[in-house]
Amino acid sequence: MCTLNKICCCCNLPIGAVIIAILDWILTGFQCILAWSLLHAQLIYTYIIGFLIFPHFISCPLVIISYFYRKKILPMIYLITGILRIISLIGYIIMLFIILDYRLEIISTTFQLIQIALGIYYWICIYSWYKALDSSEET
């Protein structure tokens, strides 16, 4: 799989991984707050947030810790929860349009699509950091 040498074309990989972790932590926190505020309206989505996305919220600071301690297990947790988060967001969009036949949720769907796109980019960035940690431990 491809890896990146610089993140956002300007930051080196370790600093970029920390920036990505902070941005993703804010984005995931906003998504958790949004889901808990919709507790009665979309009960299924709230359970998805609780079981799949909240662990991702917890794993974002682990990437920041991996900058200081250089342990491979810390970004690996982010990579696993990141995939689960992307899958749950795709499942939510499918639920909205196919199962519930919602057509009025344009703002929510747009927010979810942006999160999927950013989540994939963030995942690739943290994967690159994970591979860099792998090569630094071998030498």
C-alpha atoms as a PDB file:
ATOM      1  CA  MET A   1       0.000   0.000   0.000  1.00  0.00           C
ATOM      2  CA  CYS A   2       1.168   3.536  -0.682  1.00  0.00           C
ATOM      3  CA  THR A   3       2.532   5.656   2.109  1.00  0.00           C
ATOM      4  CA  LEU A   4       3.048   9.387   2.431  1.00  0.00           C
ATOM      5  CA  ASN A   5       6.274  11.218   3.204  1.00  0.00           C
ATOM      6  CA  LYS A   6       4.613  14.530   3.994  1.00  0.00           C
ATOM      7  CA  ILE A   7       1.112  15.297   5.215  1.00  0.00           C
ATOM      8  CA  CYS A   8      -0.821  18.135   3.574  1.00  0.00           C
ATOM      9  CA  CYS A   9       2.268  18.740   1.380  1.00  0.00           C
ATOM     10  CA  CYS A  10       4.021  20.687   4.112  1.00  0.00           C
ATOM     11  CA  CYS A  11       4.360  18.807   7.401  1.00  0.00           C
ATOM     12  CA  ASN A  12       6.779  15.995   7.990  1.00  0.00           C
ATOM     13  CA  LEU A  13       5.245  12.685   8.941  1.00  0.00           C
ATOM     14  CA  PRO A  14       5.539  12.713  12.782  1.00  0.00           C
ATOM     15  CA  ILE A  15       4.205  16.258  13.208  1.00  0.00           C
ATOM     16  CA  GLY A  16       1.538  15.637  10.573  1.00  0.00           C
ATOM     17  CA  ALA A  17       0.356  12.511  12.395  1.00  0.00           C
ATOM     18  CA  VAL A  18      -0.088  14.560  15.577  1.00  0.00           C
ATOM     19  CA  ILE A  19      -2.009  17.260  13.672  1.00  0.00           C
ATOM     20  CA  ILE A  20      -4.212  14.634  12.010  1.00  0.00           C
ATOM     21  CA  ALA A  21      -4.901  13.001  15.387  1.00  0.00           C
ATOM     22  CA  ILE A  22      -5.949  16.339  16.905  1.00  0.00           C
ATOM     23  CA  LEU A  23      -8.182  17.230  13.950  1.00  0.00           C
ATOM     24  CA  ASP A  24      -9.763  13.784  13.913  1.00  0.00           C
ATOM     25  CA  TRP A  25     -10.279  13.917  17.679  1.00  0.00           C
ATOM     26  CA  ILE A  26     -12.199  17.189  17.299  1.00  0.00           C
ATOM     27  CA  LEU A  27     -14.230  15.841  14.356  1.00  0.00           C
ATOM     28  CA  THR A  28     -15.059  12.579  16.120  1.00  0.00           C
ATOM     29  CA  GLY A  29     -15.937  14.421  19.322  1.00  0.00           C
ATOM     30  CA  PHE A  30     -18.332  16.614  17.375  1.00  0.00           C
ATOM     31  CA  GLN A  31     -19.874  13.508  15.836  1.00  0.00           C
ATOM     32  CA  CYS A  32     -20.314  11.902  19.277  1.00  0.00           C
ATOM     33  CA  ILE A  33     -21.971  15.051  20.651  1.00  0.00           C
ATOM     34  CA  LEU A  34     -24.257  15.197  17.629  1.00  0.00           C
ATOM     35  CA  ALA A  35     -25.233  11.555  18.038  1.00  0.00           C
ATOM     36  CA  TRP A  36     -25.991  11.869  21.740  1.00  0.00           C
ATOM     37  CA  SER A  37     -28.122  14.947  21.069  1.00  0.00           C
ATOM     38  CA  LEU A  38     -30.163  12.870  18.601  1.00  0.00           C
ATOM     39  CA  LEU A  39     -30.669  10.086  21.137  1.00  0.00           C
ATOM     40  CA  HIS A  40     -34.440   9.896  20.792  1.00  0.00           C
ATOM     41  CA  ALA A  41     -34.650  10.652  17.075  1.00  0.00           C
ATOM     42  CA  GLN A  42     -32.219   8.061  15.747  1.00  0.00           C
ATOM     43  CA  LEU A  43     -31.716   5.375  18.335  1.00  0.00           C
ATOM     44  CA  ILE A  44     -29.900   2.952  16.015  1.00  0.00           C
ATOM     45  CA  TYR A  45     -27.366   5.602  15.029  1.00  0.00           C
ATOM     46  CA  THR A  46     -26.693   6.384  18.678  1.00  0.00           C
ATOM     47  CA  TYR A  47     -25.822   2.752  19.355  1.00  0.00           C
ATOM     48  CA  ILE A  48     -23.507   2.737  16.333  1.00  0.00           C
ATOM     49  CA  ILE A  49     -21.768   5.794  17.747  1.00  0.00           C
ATOM     50  CA  GLY A  50     -21.471   4.224  21.162  1.00  0.00           C
ATOM     51  CA  PHE A  51     -19.975   0.937  20.032  1.00  0.00           C
ATOM     52  CA  LEU A  52     -17.906   1.912  16.992  1.00  0.00           C
ATOM     53  CA  ILE A  53     -17.111   5.612  16.929  1.00  0.00           C
ATOM     54  CA  PHE A  54     -16.526   6.360  20.608  1.00  0.00           C
ATOM     55  CA  PRO A  55     -13.566   3.909  20.721  1.00  0.00           C
ATOM     56  CA  HIS A  56     -12.141   5.839  17.768  1.00  0.00           C
ATOM     57  CA  PHE A  57     -12.480   9.011  19.831  1.00  0.00           C
ATOM     58  CA  ILE A  58     -10.422   7.311  22.553  1.00  0.00           C
ATOM     59  CA  SER A  59      -7.776   6.093  20.073  1.00  0.00           C
ATOM     60  CA  CYS A  60      -6.934   9.552  18.670  1.00  0.00           C
ATOM     61  CA  PRO A  61      -4.828  10.599  21.706  1.00  0.00           C
ATOM     62  CA  LEU A  62      -2.935   7.310  21.388  1.00  0.00           C
ATOM     63  CA  VAL A  63      -1.494   8.543  18.086  1.00  0.00           C
ATOM     64  CA  ILE A  64      -0.256  11.651  19.878  1.00  0.00           C
ATOM     65  CA  ILE A  65       1.312   9.460  22.565  1.00  0.00           C
ATOM     66  CA  SER A  66       2.998   7.386  19.828  1.00  0.00           C
ATOM     67  CA  TYR A  67       4.852  10.520  18.754  1.00  0.00           C
ATOM     68  CA  PHE A  68       6.615  10.558  22.127  1.00  0.00           C
ATOM     69  CA  TYR A  69       6.978   6.840  22.902  1.00  0.00           C
ATOM     70  CA  ARG A  70       7.314   5.337  19.383  1.00  0.00           C
ATOM     71  CA  LYS A  71       5.234   2.235  20.082  1.00  0.00           C
ATOM     72  CA  LYS A  72       3.635   0.541  17.062  1.00  0.00           C
ATOM     73  CA  ILE A  73       0.585  -0.675  18.966  1.00  0.00           C
ATOM     74  CA  LEU A  74      -0.692   2.868  19.574  1.00  0.00           C
ATOM     75  CA  PRO A  75      -1.352   3.871  15.931  1.00  0.00           C
ATOM     76  CA  MET A  76      -2.517   0.320  15.194  1.00  0.00           C
ATOM     77  CA  ILE A  77      -5.479   0.850  17.531  1.00  0.00           C
ATOM     78  CA  TYR A  78      -6.326   4.020  15.591  1.00  0.00           C
ATOM     79  CA  LEU A  79      -6.129   2.121  12.282  1.00  0.00           C
ATOM     80  CA  ILE A  80      -8.535  -0.570  13.484  1.00  0.00           C
ATOM     81  CA  THR A  81     -11.060   1.863  14.938  1.00  0.00           C
ATOM     82  CA  GLY A  82     -10.689   4.119  11.884  1.00  0.00           C
ATOM     83  CA  ILE A  83     -11.807   1.337   9.578  1.00  0.00           C
ATOM     84  CA  LEU A  84     -14.747   0.574  11.860  1.00  0.00           C
ATOM     85  CA  ARG A  85     -15.681   4.256  11.876  1.00  0.00           C
ATOM     86  CA  ILE A  86     -15.633   4.509   8.071  1.00  0.00           C
ATOM     87  CA  ILE A  87     -17.720   1.346   7.738  1.00  0.00           C
ATOM     88  CA  SER A  88     -20.240   2.629  10.291  1.00  0.00           C
ATOM     89  CA  LEU A  89     -20.557   5.956   8.454  1.00  0.00           C
ATOM     90  CA  ILE A  90     -21.182   4.164   5.171  1.00  0.00           C
ATOM     91  CA  GLY A  91     -23.751   1.968   6.916  1.00  0.00           C
ATOM     92  CA  TYR A  92     -25.474   5.048   8.314  1.00  0.00           C
ATOM     93  CA  ILE A  93     -25.788   6.600   4.856  1.00  0.00           C
ATOM     94  CA  ILE A  94     -27.170   3.338   3.484  1.00  0.00           C
ATOM     95  CA  MET A  95     -29.632   3.206   6.374  1.00  0.00           C
ATOM     96  CA  LEU A  96     -30.811   6.743   5.667  1.00  0.00           C
ATOM     97  CA  PHE A  97     -31.413   6.339   1.973  1.00  0.00           C
ATOM     98  CA  ILE A  98     -32.437   2.731   1.496  1.00  0.00           C
ATOM     99  CA  ILE A  99     -34.004   1.469   4.687  1.00  0.00           C
ATOM    100  CA  LEU A 100     -35.573   4.631   6.099  1.00  0.00           C
ATOM    101  CA  ASP A 101     -36.070   6.352   2.717  1.00  0.00           C
ATOM    102  CA  TYR A 102     -34.964   9.732   4.064  1.00  0.00           C
ATOM    103  CA  ARG A 103     -34.611  12.435   1.449  1.00  0.00           C
ATOM    104  CA  LEU A 104     -34.540  15.458   3.771  1.00  0.00           C
ATOM    105  CA  GLU A 105     -31.321  14.648   5.606  1.00  0.00           C
ATOM    106  CA  ILE A 106     -29.074  16.511   3.138  1.00  0.00           C
ATOM    107  CA  ILE A 107     -27.037  18.367   5.771  1.00  0.00           C
ATOM    108  CA  SER A 108     -26.444  15.240   7.840  1.00  0.00           C
ATOM    109  CA  THR A 109     -25.560  13.191   4.767  1.00  0.00           C
ATOM    110  CA  THR A 110     -23.167  15.865   3.505  1.00  0.00           C
ATOM    111  CA  PHE A 111     -21.473  15.934   6.909  1.00  0.00           C
ATOM    112  CA  GLN A 112     -21.181  12.128   6.857  1.00  0.00           C
ATOM    113  CA  LEU A 113     -19.710  12.114   3.316  1.00  0.00           C
ATOM    114  CA  ILE A 114     -17.126  14.715   4.330  1.00  0.00           C
ATOM    115  CA  GLN A 115     -16.276  12.580   7.345  1.00  0.00           C
ATOM    116  CA  ILE A 116     -15.833   9.512   5.149  1.00  0.00           C
ATOM    117  CA  ALA A 117     -13.488  11.373   2.780  1.00  0.00           C
ATOM    118  CA  LEU A 118     -11.473  12.867   5.636  1.00  0.00           C
ATOM    119  CA  GLY A 119     -11.490   9.542   7.472  1.00  0.00           C
ATOM    120  CA  ILE A 120      -9.929   7.768   4.499  1.00  0.00           C
ATOM    121  CA  TYR A 121      -7.254  10.459   4.144  1.00  0.00           C
ATOM    122  CA  TYR A 122      -6.555  10.457   7.881  1.00  0.00           C
ATOM    123  CA  TRP A 123      -6.327   6.677   7.853  1.00  0.00           C
ATOM    124  CA  ILE A 124      -3.747   6.754   5.041  1.00  0.00           C
ATOM    125  CA  CYS A 125      -1.728   9.377   6.936  1.00  0.00           C
ATOM    126  CA  ILE A 126      -1.710   7.398  10.175  1.00  0.00           C
ATOM    127  CA  TYR A 127      -0.923   4.211   8.229  1.00  0.00           C
ATOM    128  CA  SER A 128       2.123   6.000   6.834  1.00  0.00           C
ATOM    129  CA  TRP A 129       3.121   6.944  10.386  1.00  0.00           C
ATOM    130  CA  TYR A 130       2.617   3.324  11.449  1.00  0.00           C
ATOM    131  CA  LYS A 131       4.902   2.117   8.645  1.00  0.00           C
ATOM    132  CA  ALA A 132       7.501   4.750   9.586  1.00  0.00           C
ATOM    133  CA  LEU A 133       7.431   3.460  13.158  1.00  0.00           C
ATOM    134  CA  ASP A 134       7.839  -0.058  11.786  1.00  0.00           C
ATOM    135  CA  SER A 135      10.967   0.886   9.846  1.00  0.00           C
ATOM    136  CA  SER A 136      12.420   2.859  12.760  1.00  0.00           C
ATOM    137  CA  GLU A 137      12.054  -0.112  15.128  1.00  0.00           C
ATOM    138  CA  GLU A 138      13.883  -2.434  12.742  1.00  0.00           C
ATOM    139  CA  THR A 139      17.020  -0.276  12.603  1.00  0.00           C
END
